[in-house]
Amino acid sequence: MDDNPLDTTANTENLGPVFLGIDRAIFSLSTIIVVPRLYTQLRITRNFGWDHITIALTQVLEKHFSVGFEEVLTCSS
């Protein structure tokens, strides 16, 4: 009974590290994609529009909120 991977009654007391790992992985992947795109638009094509400003702002805000989320998760455990 304990070996069932679909068991939803598993101990879910502290999922903070799982959420932090997922958040860091997604942020890292998006940064790997966004930084070369912004570099290309700024240096090569010299065409930096509102969409690129939105992308850069989103990256900064995501990092800001993920740090706050990490503090909440570590304080509650």
C-alpha atoms as a PDB file:
ATOM      1  CA  MET A   1       0.000   0.000   0.000  1.00  0.00           C
ATOM      2  CA  ASP A   2       2.873   2.414   0.759  1.00  0.00           C
ATOM      3  CA  ASP A   3       4.521   1.726  -2.611  1.00  0.00           C
ATOM      4  CA  ASN A   4       1.633   3.159  -4.627  1.00  0.00           C
ATOM      5  CA  PRO A   5       2.925   6.253  -6.504  1.00  0.00           C
ATOM      6  CA  LEU A   6      -0.656   7.434  -7.072  1.00  0.00           C
ATOM      7  CA  ASP A   7      -1.472   7.502  -3.369  1.00  0.00           C
ATOM      8  CA  THR A   8      -2.770  11.001  -2.602  1.00  0.00           C
ATOM      9  CA  THR A   9      -2.698  10.469   1.152  1.00  0.00           C
ATOM     10  CA  ALA A  10       1.098  10.683   1.237  1.00  0.00           C
ATOM     11  CA  ASN A  11       2.771  12.933   3.763  1.00  0.00           C
ATOM     12  CA  THR A  12       2.602  16.404   2.201  1.00  0.00           C
ATOM     13  CA  GLU A  13       3.588  18.272   5.328  1.00  0.00           C
ATOM     14  CA  ASN A  14       6.600  20.076   3.857  1.00  0.00           C
ATOM     15  CA  LEU A  15       6.602  20.534   0.098  1.00  0.00           C
ATOM     16  CA  GLY A  16       8.585  23.783   0.306  1.00  0.00           C
ATOM     17  CA  PRO A  17      11.848  22.350  -1.063  1.00  0.00           C
ATOM     18  CA  VAL A  18       9.964  20.808  -3.990  1.00  0.00           C
ATOM     19  CA  PHE A  19       8.332  24.130  -4.867  1.00  0.00           C
ATOM     20  CA  LEU A  20      11.667  25.939  -4.574  1.00  0.00           C
ATOM     21  CA  GLY A  21      13.365  23.417  -6.833  1.00  0.00           C
ATOM     22  CA  ILE A  22      10.679  23.741  -9.479  1.00  0.00           C
ATOM     23  CA  ASP A  23      10.762  27.535  -9.241  1.00  0.00           C
ATOM     24  CA  ARG A  24      14.543  27.664  -9.593  1.00  0.00           C
ATOM     25  CA  ALA A  25      14.537  25.265 -12.530  1.00  0.00           C
ATOM     26  CA  ILE A  26      11.907  27.243 -14.423  1.00  0.00           C
ATOM     27  CA  PHE A  27      13.630  30.556 -13.652  1.00  0.00           C
ATOM     28  CA  SER A  28      16.976  29.183 -14.821  1.00  0.00           C
ATOM     29  CA  LEU A  29      15.487  27.880 -18.048  1.00  0.00           C
ATOM     30  CA  SER A  30      13.686  31.143 -18.764  1.00  0.00           C
ATOM     31  CA  THR A  31      16.854  33.128 -18.045  1.00  0.00           C
ATOM     32  CA  ILE A  32      18.826  30.955 -20.463  1.00  0.00           C
ATOM     33  CA  ILE A  33      16.232  31.783 -23.121  1.00  0.00           C
ATOM     34  CA  VAL A  34      15.599  35.466 -22.311  1.00  0.00           C
ATOM     35  CA  VAL A  35      19.162  36.780 -21.908  1.00  0.00           C
ATOM     36  CA  PRO A  36      20.340  35.852 -25.428  1.00  0.00           C
ATOM     37  CA  ARG A  37      17.101  37.193 -26.883  1.00  0.00           C
ATOM     38  CA  LEU A  38      17.516  40.554 -25.152  1.00  0.00           C
ATOM     39  CA  TYR A  39      21.195  40.686 -26.098  1.00  0.00           C
ATOM     40  CA  THR A  40      20.342  40.024 -29.726  1.00  0.00           C
ATOM     41  CA  GLN A  41      17.686  42.721 -29.768  1.00  0.00           C
ATOM     42  CA  LEU A  42      19.915  45.300 -28.064  1.00  0.00           C
ATOM     43  CA  ARG A  43      23.258  44.705 -29.777  1.00  0.00           C
ATOM     44  CA  ILE A  44      22.635  43.035 -33.112  1.00  0.00           C
ATOM     45  CA  THR A  45      19.304  44.301 -34.429  1.00  0.00           C
ATOM     46  CA  ARG A  46      19.108  47.437 -32.247  1.00  0.00           C
ATOM     47  CA  ASN A  47      15.362  46.978 -32.160  1.00  0.00           C
ATOM     48  CA  PHE A  48      14.259  47.017 -28.519  1.00  0.00           C
ATOM     49  CA  GLY A  49      10.496  47.392 -28.172  1.00  0.00           C
ATOM     50  CA  TRP A  50       7.816  47.268 -25.504  1.00  0.00           C
ATOM     51  CA  ASP A  51       7.656  43.476 -25.694  1.00  0.00           C
ATOM     52  CA  HIS A  52      11.329  43.177 -24.710  1.00  0.00           C
ATOM     53  CA  ILE A  53      10.858  45.619 -21.851  1.00  0.00           C
ATOM     54  CA  THR A  54       7.948  43.469 -20.664  1.00  0.00           C
ATOM     55  CA  ILE A  55      10.080  40.326 -20.830  1.00  0.00           C
ATOM     56  CA  ALA A  56      12.912  41.945 -18.847  1.00  0.00           C
ATOM     57  CA  LEU A  57      10.485  43.343 -16.268  1.00  0.00           C
ATOM     58  CA  THR A  58       8.852  39.936 -15.892  1.00  0.00           C
ATOM     59  CA  GLN A  59      12.224  38.299 -15.209  1.00  0.00           C
ATOM     60  CA  VAL A  60      13.047  40.868 -12.533  1.00  0.00           C
ATOM     61  CA  LEU A  61       9.626  40.570 -10.883  1.00  0.00           C
ATOM     62  CA  GLU A  62       9.723  36.771 -10.954  1.00  0.00           C
ATOM     63  CA  LYS A  63      13.065  36.771  -9.172  1.00  0.00           C
ATOM     64  CA  HIS A  64      11.796  39.313  -6.653  1.00  0.00           C
ATOM     65  CA  PHE A  65       8.682  37.300  -5.839  1.00  0.00           C
ATOM     66  CA  SER A  66      10.542  33.988  -5.773  1.00  0.00           C
ATOM     67  CA  VAL A  67      12.888  35.338  -3.089  1.00  0.00           C
ATOM     68  CA  GLY A  68       9.864  36.418  -1.027  1.00  0.00           C
ATOM     69  CA  PHE A  69       8.248  33.032  -1.596  1.00  0.00           C
ATOM     70  CA  GLU A  70      11.439  31.307  -0.427  1.00  0.00           C
ATOM     71  CA  GLU A  71      11.415  33.339   2.790  1.00  0.00           C
ATOM     72  CA  VAL A  72       7.799  32.358   3.470  1.00  0.00           C
ATOM     73  CA  LEU A  73       8.531  28.672   2.877  1.00  0.00           C
ATOM     74  CA  THR A  74      11.627  28.596   5.042  1.00  0.00           C
ATOM     75  CA  CYS A  75       9.954  30.483   7.901  1.00  0.00           C
ATOM     76  CA  SER A  76       6.951  28.161   7.971  1.00  0.00           C
ATOM     77  CA  SER A  77       8.985  24.948   8.211  1.00  0.00           C
END
